[in-house]
Amino acid sequence: MSRKANPTLIGTFVLGALILAIIAILLLAGDEWFRDRQQYIMYFDETGQGLQAGAPVVFLGVRVGTVKHIQIGLEEEHQRFKVQVTIELDLQMIRTGSGEVIAPEDRLTIGQLVEKGMRARLKMQSLLTGQLYIDLAFYPGKPAHFVNKARDGNEIPTIPTTVEELASMLEDFPMSEFLADLASIGASISRLLSSSATANIPTRLEATLAHLESVAARLDTRGGPLLAEAETALADLRRAIDAVQSAMAKVGRAADQVGALTAGDSGIARDITRAGTELANAAQAIQQLADDESPTVQRINASLQEISRAARALRLLAENLEQQPEAVLRGKKSEEETP
């Protein structure tokens, strides 16, 4: 008879196998299951060929996430189709200045980065395979265009690649006019090169070079005397400059002496000041003497009046003596004795 299987032993074996399998999975996965990941949406105008799920998301050269889904999204405002990409960011890779990890529910931090100019752009991962990845970087000069008008913080704005920007610039470029102008320029150059004037250019150049050679030879023959005369003129000029500098030095010394004589504390300045004061006092005294109300002028006026009265008296005396000469002996006649 065969032995009956022990259920307890079988259950213990199965439970141990499950525990070993879970431990192996945890060891292989590392801390991937315990990382805080957050999903964001991006809308690209260009084709998504070369971008695959699992492609890296790089922020400032560091891988911070992975592409999860790629699908077609519709921009309702302009009725245009875009490539909608859902990415998953590892928020533990982004830390604050104090070293703290961004909280899972804190979407404002990503929004603040977007306000500072963070944009998403497709870049080439491999030239051989043509695979693309998403690059996050700061472009403050690029405006943020949001497809989702709700602005719930889930969308990261995108910018076109360099090739797309160049293609958009060339869309409105008048290529036909440019080619026509280029053809016209080529035809003009061809006519210019085939003209007789252009064909004579080498001959004219040779004649010009020959003339230049003759001029150079003449300059060589006459250069010696001219240089000697120039050296003599320079020597004369140097002597004249020396003489001028000497004269300027003498003038400077004379100016210093004049300045010393005219200084406020010099003897000459004090004498001139004293003489000026005395002249001012004399002028003031003369002005006072010449004033009509001054005592001197009044005394002179009184003396003049006395002299005038004496002169009048002398004139009367002379008239009386002329009329009565005998008055000198007899005296002046009275009015009764006068016939």
Protein backbone atom coordinates (compact mmCIF):
# COMPACT_ATOMS: atom_id res chain seq x y z
CA MET A 1 0.00 0.00 0.00
CA SER A 2 1.19 3.46 -0.82
CA ARG A 3 1.63 5.99 1.94
CA LYS A 4 -1.02 8.71 2.22
CA ALA A 5 0.26 12.26 1.45
CA ASN A 6 0.49 14.58 4.41
CA PRO A 7 -1.62 17.72 3.65
CA THR A 8 0.22 19.79 6.27
CA LEU A 9 3.57 19.04 4.69
CA ILE A 10 2.28 19.87 1.22
CA GLY A 11 0.74 23.13 2.41
CA THR A 12 3.95 24.13 4.16
CA PHE A 13 5.93 23.41 1.00
CA VAL A 14 3.57 25.46 -1.20
CA LEU A 15 3.57 28.35 1.27
CA GLY A 16 7.37 28.35 1.42
CA ALA A 17 7.55 28.35 -2.39
CA LEU A 18 5.19 31.33 -2.56
CA ILE A 19 7.24 33.22 0.03
CA LEU A 20 10.45 32.49 -1.90
CA ALA A 21 8.81 33.64 -5.15
CA ILE A 22 7.64 36.90 -3.54
CA ILE A 23 11.10 37.52 -2.09
CA ALA A 24 12.71 36.87 -5.49
CA ILE A 25 10.32 39.28 -7.21
CA LEU A 26 11.00 41.96 -4.62
CA LEU A 27 14.75 41.48 -4.98
CA LEU A 28 14.55 41.70 -8.77
CA ALA A 29 12.23 44.69 -8.77
CA GLY A 30 14.19 46.52 -6.09
CA ASP A 31 12.35 49.61 -4.88
CA GLU A 32 10.45 50.09 -8.14
CA TRP A 33 7.12 49.15 -6.53
CA PHE A 34 7.59 51.62 -3.70
CA ARG A 35 8.49 54.63 -5.83
CA ASP A 36 6.05 57.51 -6.10
CA ARG A 37 5.08 57.97 -9.74
CA GLN A 38 2.76 60.54 -11.27
CA GLN A 39 1.33 60.62 -14.77
CA TYR A 40 1.25 63.69 -17.03
CA ILE A 41 -0.05 64.32 -20.55
CA MET A 42 1.69 66.01 -23.47
CA TYR A 43 0.42 66.94 -26.95
CA PHE A 44 2.88 67.06 -29.86
CA ASP A 45 2.13 68.58 -33.28
CA GLU A 46 4.74 66.52 -35.15
CA THR A 47 4.57 62.84 -35.99
CA GLY A 48 5.19 60.34 -33.20
CA GLN A 49 7.11 57.93 -35.43
CA GLY A 50 10.15 56.73 -33.52
CA LEU A 51 8.59 57.30 -30.09
CA GLN A 52 7.61 54.11 -28.32
CA ALA A 53 6.17 53.15 -24.98
CA GLY A 54 8.99 52.74 -22.53
CA ALA A 55 11.09 55.54 -24.08
CA PRO A 56 12.92 57.61 -21.48
CA VAL A 57 11.82 61.01 -20.24
CA VAL A 58 14.88 63.16 -19.49
CA PHE A 59 14.92 66.33 -17.39
CA LEU A 60 18.15 68.36 -17.59
CA GLY A 61 20.02 65.26 -18.75
CA VAL A 62 18.69 62.99 -15.97
CA ARG A 63 16.13 60.25 -16.62
CA VAL A 64 13.11 61.02 -14.47
CA GLY A 65 10.35 59.03 -16.13
CA THR A 66 9.06 56.77 -18.88
CA VAL A 67 6.60 57.00 -21.75
CA LYS A 68 3.51 54.95 -20.83
CA HIS A 69 0.96 55.47 -23.63
CA ILE A 70 0.92 56.99 -27.12
CA GLN A 71 -2.37 57.77 -28.83
CA ILE A 72 -4.13 60.36 -30.99
CA GLY A 73 -5.71 63.34 -29.25
CA LEU A 74 -8.10 65.96 -30.65
CA GLU A 75 -7.69 69.65 -29.94
CA GLU A 76 -11.30 70.76 -29.80
CA GLU A 77 -10.60 74.48 -30.14
CA HIS A 78 -8.92 74.23 -33.56
CA GLN A 79 -10.21 70.76 -34.52
CA ARG A 80 -6.72 69.42 -35.04
CA PHE A 81 -5.29 66.02 -34.27
CA LYS A 82 -2.20 65.77 -32.11
CA VAL A 83 -0.03 63.01 -30.74
CA GLN A 84 -1.10 62.52 -27.13
CA VAL A 85 1.65 61.07 -24.97
CA THR A 86 1.17 59.96 -21.38
CA ILE A 87 4.34 59.87 -19.31
CA GLU A 88 5.05 58.67 -15.82
CA LEU A 89 7.45 60.75 -13.73
CA ASP A 90 9.39 59.45 -10.77
CA LEU A 91 8.83 62.29 -8.30
CA GLN A 92 11.50 60.92 -5.99
CA MET A 93 14.04 62.12 -8.54
CA ILE A 94 12.83 65.70 -8.05
CA ARG A 95 13.64 67.23 -4.69
CA THR A 96 13.32 70.66 -3.16
CA GLY A 97 16.22 72.87 -2.07
CA SER A 98 16.03 71.37 1.45
CA GLY A 99 16.29 67.83 0.01
CA GLU A 100 12.62 66.93 0.56
CA VAL A 101 10.78 64.75 -1.95
CA ILE A 102 7.80 66.31 -3.75
CA ALA A 103 4.54 65.02 -2.28
CA PRO A 104 2.37 62.81 -4.57
CA GLU A 105 -0.56 65.23 -4.43
CA ASP A 106 1.59 68.35 -4.93
CA ARG A 107 1.09 69.18 -8.62
CA LEU A 108 1.78 72.86 -8.02
CA THR A 109 5.51 72.21 -8.15
CA ILE A 110 5.30 70.98 -11.76
CA GLY A 111 3.04 73.93 -12.52
CA GLN A 112 5.62 76.31 -11.09
CA LEU A 113 8.31 74.70 -13.23
CA VAL A 114 6.06 75.17 -16.27
CA GLU A 115 5.58 78.85 -15.37
CA LYS A 116 9.36 79.24 -15.23
CA GLY A 117 9.65 77.90 -18.78
CA MET A 118 9.79 74.10 -18.56
CA ARG A 119 8.74 72.62 -21.92
CA ALA A 120 8.79 69.15 -23.50
CA ARG A 121 10.43 68.43 -26.84
CA LEU A 122 11.06 65.30 -28.89
CA LYS A 123 14.72 64.51 -29.50
CA MET A 124 16.60 61.82 -31.39
CA GLN A 125 17.76 58.97 -29.19
CA SER A 126 19.61 57.02 -31.88
CA LEU A 127 20.46 57.99 -35.45
CA LEU A 128 20.65 54.34 -36.51
CA THR A 129 17.28 53.24 -35.17
CA GLY A 130 15.52 56.61 -35.36
CA GLN A 131 14.16 56.21 -31.84
CA LEU A 132 13.00 59.32 -30.01
CA TYR A 133 12.83 60.34 -26.38
CA ILE A 134 11.18 63.22 -24.52
CA ASP A 135 13.44 65.95 -23.24
CA LEU A 136 12.29 68.35 -20.50
CA ALA A 137 14.19 71.62 -20.30
CA PHE A 138 13.64 75.31 -19.65
CA TYR A 139 12.78 77.59 -22.58
CA PRO A 140 11.57 80.89 -21.01
CA GLY A 141 11.20 82.52 -24.40
CA LYS A 142 8.78 79.88 -25.70
CA PRO A 143 5.10 80.54 -24.90
CA ALA A 144 3.14 77.75 -23.18
CA HIS A 145 0.31 76.31 -25.32
CA PHE A 146 -2.19 74.15 -23.44
CA VAL A 147 -4.64 71.84 -25.23
CA ASN A 148 -6.51 70.98 -22.04
CA LYS A 149 -8.28 74.20 -21.06
CA ALA A 150 -9.12 72.84 -17.60
CA ARG A 151 -5.52 73.49 -16.49
CA ASP A 152 -5.66 70.79 -13.82
CA GLY A 153 -1.85 70.59 -13.66
CA ASN A 154 -1.70 67.29 -15.56
CA GLU A 155 -0.53 68.80 -18.87
CA ILE A 156 3.05 69.81 -19.69
CA PRO A 157 3.25 72.15 -22.71
CA THR A 158 5.41 71.16 -25.66
CA ILE A 159 7.45 72.95 -28.28
CA PRO A 160 8.30 71.74 -31.81
CA THR A 161 11.67 70.29 -32.68
CA THR A 162 14.31 72.32 -34.48
CA VAL A 163 13.48 70.56 -37.74
CA GLU A 164 9.79 71.35 -37.32
CA GLU A 165 10.53 75.02 -36.58
CA LEU A 166 12.69 75.22 -39.69
CA ALA A 167 10.01 73.52 -41.76
CA SER A 168 7.35 75.94 -40.50
CA MET A 169 9.60 78.85 -41.41
CA LEU A 170 10.14 77.45 -44.90
CA GLU A 171 6.41 76.92 -45.50
CA ASP A 172 5.85 80.60 -46.27
CA PHE A 173 9.20 81.05 -47.99
CA PRO A 174 8.75 82.08 -51.70
CA MET A 175 10.95 79.36 -53.13
CA SER A 176 9.90 79.95 -56.77
CA GLU A 177 10.75 83.65 -56.57
CA PHE A 178 14.04 82.83 -54.88
CA LEU A 179 14.97 80.37 -57.63
CA ALA A 180 13.94 82.87 -60.32
CA ASP A 181 16.10 85.58 -58.72
CA LEU A 182 18.97 83.11 -58.45
CA ALA A 183 18.64 82.21 -62.14
CA SER A 184 18.57 85.91 -63.05
CA ILE A 185 21.70 86.55 -61.01
CA GLY A 186 23.43 83.62 -62.70
CA ALA A 187 22.51 84.93 -66.15
CA SER A 188 23.80 88.41 -65.27
CA ILE A 189 27.09 86.95 -64.06
CA SER A 190 27.40 84.91 -67.22
CA ARG A 191 26.86 88.00 -69.42
CA LEU A 192 29.35 89.95 -67.35
CA LEU A 193 32.02 87.29 -67.67
CA SER A 194 31.49 86.93 -71.42
CA SER A 195 31.70 90.69 -72.13
CA SER A 196 34.72 92.26 -73.84
CA ALA A 197 35.36 94.57 -70.89
CA THR A 198 35.78 91.55 -68.62
CA ALA A 199 38.07 89.90 -71.18
CA ASN A 200 40.31 93.02 -71.19
CA ILE A 201 40.69 93.00 -67.41
CA PRO A 202 43.87 90.83 -67.39
CA THR A 203 45.55 93.14 -69.94
CA ARG A 204 44.63 96.21 -67.92
CA LEU A 205 45.88 94.55 -64.77
CA GLU A 206 49.22 93.83 -66.41
CA ALA A 207 49.55 97.47 -67.52
CA THR A 208 48.61 98.68 -64.07
CA LEU A 209 51.18 96.37 -62.48
CA ALA A 210 53.86 97.60 -64.87
CA HIS A 211 53.02 101.21 -64.02
CA LEU A 212 53.17 100.40 -60.33
CA GLU A 213 56.56 98.78 -60.80
CA SER A 214 57.88 101.91 -62.55
CA VAL A 215 56.51 104.13 -59.80
CA ALA A 216 58.11 101.90 -57.20
CA ALA A 217 61.46 102.12 -59.04
CA ARG A 218 61.25 105.92 -59.10
CA LEU A 219 60.46 105.99 -55.43
CA ASP A 220 63.46 103.78 -54.75
CA THR A 221 65.79 106.16 -56.63
CA ARG A 222 64.39 109.28 -54.99
CA GLY A 223 63.69 107.77 -51.64
CA GLY A 224 67.21 108.36 -50.26
CA PRO A 225 67.29 112.17 -50.67
CA LEU A 226 63.69 112.50 -49.54
CA LEU A 227 64.44 110.51 -46.40
CA ALA A 228 67.53 112.64 -45.71
CA GLU A 229 65.51 115.85 -46.11
CA ALA A 230 62.80 114.41 -43.89
CA GLU A 231 65.36 113.56 -41.21
CA THR A 232 66.80 117.11 -41.41
CA ALA A 233 63.31 118.59 -41.16
CA LEU A 234 62.55 116.38 -38.20
CA ALA A 235 65.78 117.48 -36.48
CA ASP A 236 64.87 121.15 -37.06
CA LEU A 237 61.40 120.50 -35.78
CA ARG A 238 62.82 118.82 -32.70
CA ARG A 239 65.07 121.83 -32.00
CA ALA A 240 62.13 124.19 -32.49
CA ILE A 241 60.07 122.13 -30.06
CA ASP A 242 62.90 122.24 -27.53
CA ALA A 243 63.10 126.05 -27.91
CA VAL A 244 59.36 126.36 -27.47
CA GLN A 245 59.46 124.17 -24.37
CA SER A 246 62.29 126.30 -22.93
CA ALA A 247 60.34 129.50 -23.64
CA MET A 248 57.24 127.98 -22.06
CA ALA A 249 59.26 127.06 -18.99
CA LYS A 250 60.50 130.68 -18.71
CA VAL A 251 56.96 131.97 -19.14
CA GLY A 252 55.82 129.57 -16.44
CA ARG A 253 58.50 130.79 -14.04
CA ALA A 254 57.59 134.42 -14.80
CA ALA A 255 53.93 133.62 -14.17
CA ASP A 256 54.86 132.03 -10.86
CA GLN A 257 56.80 135.15 -9.89
CA VAL A 258 53.89 137.40 -10.88
CA GLY A 259 51.58 135.18 -8.92
CA ALA A 260 53.86 135.39 -5.89
CA LEU A 261 53.98 139.23 -6.16
CA THR A 262 50.21 139.53 -6.53
CA ALA A 263 49.45 137.12 -3.72
CA GLY A 264 47.28 138.48 -0.93
CA ASP A 265 49.99 138.16 1.71
CA SER A 266 52.79 139.79 -0.36
CA GLY A 267 54.27 143.26 0.50
CA ILE A 268 53.31 144.78 -2.84
CA ALA A 269 49.71 143.70 -2.42
CA ARG A 270 49.63 145.18 1.10
CA ASP A 271 51.15 148.50 -0.15
CA ILE A 272 48.67 148.67 -3.02
CA THR A 273 45.83 147.98 -0.62
CA ARG A 274 47.06 150.66 1.81
CA ALA A 275 47.48 153.23 -1.02
CA GLY A 276 44.00 152.46 -2.26
CA THR A 277 42.60 152.96 1.23
CA GLU A 278 44.39 156.31 1.58
CA LEU A 279 43.18 157.44 -1.87
CA ALA A 280 39.65 156.48 -0.91
CA ASN A 281 39.96 158.51 2.33
CA ALA A 282 41.39 161.52 0.42
CA ALA A 283 38.59 161.34 -2.13
CA GLN A 284 36.08 161.20 0.69
CA ALA A 285 37.71 164.27 2.34
CA ILE A 286 37.68 166.17 -0.96
CA GLN A 287 34.06 165.23 -1.46
CA GLN A 288 33.24 166.49 2.01
CA LEU A 289 35.13 169.81 1.30
CA ALA A 290 33.33 170.26 -2.01
CA ASP A 291 29.93 169.69 -0.51
CA ASP A 292 27.68 172.80 -0.44
CA GLU A 293 26.79 172.28 3.20
CA SER A 294 30.39 171.79 4.43
CA PRO A 295 31.76 174.45 6.88
CA THR A 296 34.73 175.22 4.66
CA VAL A 297 32.51 176.03 1.67
CA GLN A 298 30.24 178.15 3.87
CA ARG A 299 33.22 180.13 5.26
CA ILE A 300 34.58 180.66 1.73
CA ASN A 301 31.14 181.90 0.63
CA ALA A 302 31.01 184.35 3.61
CA SER A 303 34.52 185.62 2.83
CA LEU A 304 33.54 186.13 -0.80
CA GLN A 305 30.49 188.13 0.29
CA GLU A 306 32.67 190.31 2.58
CA ILE A 307 35.16 190.87 -0.25
CA SER A 308 32.27 191.79 -2.55
CA ARG A 309 30.94 194.35 -0.03
CA ALA A 310 34.46 195.78 0.43
CA ALA A 311 34.89 196.08 -3.34
CA ARG A 312 31.56 197.87 -3.60
CA ALA A 313 32.59 200.25 -0.84
CA LEU A 314 35.91 200.93 -2.59
CA ARG A 315 34.07 201.61 -5.82
CA LEU A 316 31.80 204.11 -4.06
CA LEU A 317 34.83 205.76 -2.45
CA ALA A 318 36.53 206.06 -5.80
CA GLU A 319 33.44 207.64 -7.33
CA ASN A 320 33.18 210.12 -4.49
CA LEU A 321 36.85 211.05 -4.77
CA GLU A 322 36.43 211.50 -8.47
CA GLN A 323 33.49 213.86 -7.94
CA GLN A 324 34.87 215.63 -4.85
CA PRO A 325 38.66 215.54 -4.86
CA GLU A 326 38.73 218.13 -2.09
CA ALA A 327 36.99 215.70 0.15
CA VAL A 328 40.40 214.25 0.94
CA LEU A 329 41.22 217.57 2.70
CA ARG A 330 37.80 218.81 3.78
CA GLY A 331 35.99 215.56 4.29
CA LYS A 332 32.77 214.39 2.74
CA LYS A 333 30.15 217.09 2.13
CA SER A 334 26.75 216.69 3.53
CA GLU A 335 23.74 216.63 1.30
CA GLU A 336 22.76 220.22 2.36
CA GLU A 337 26.06 221.63 1.19
CA THR A 338 25.91 220.04 -2.14
CA PRO A 339 24.64 222.62 -4.70
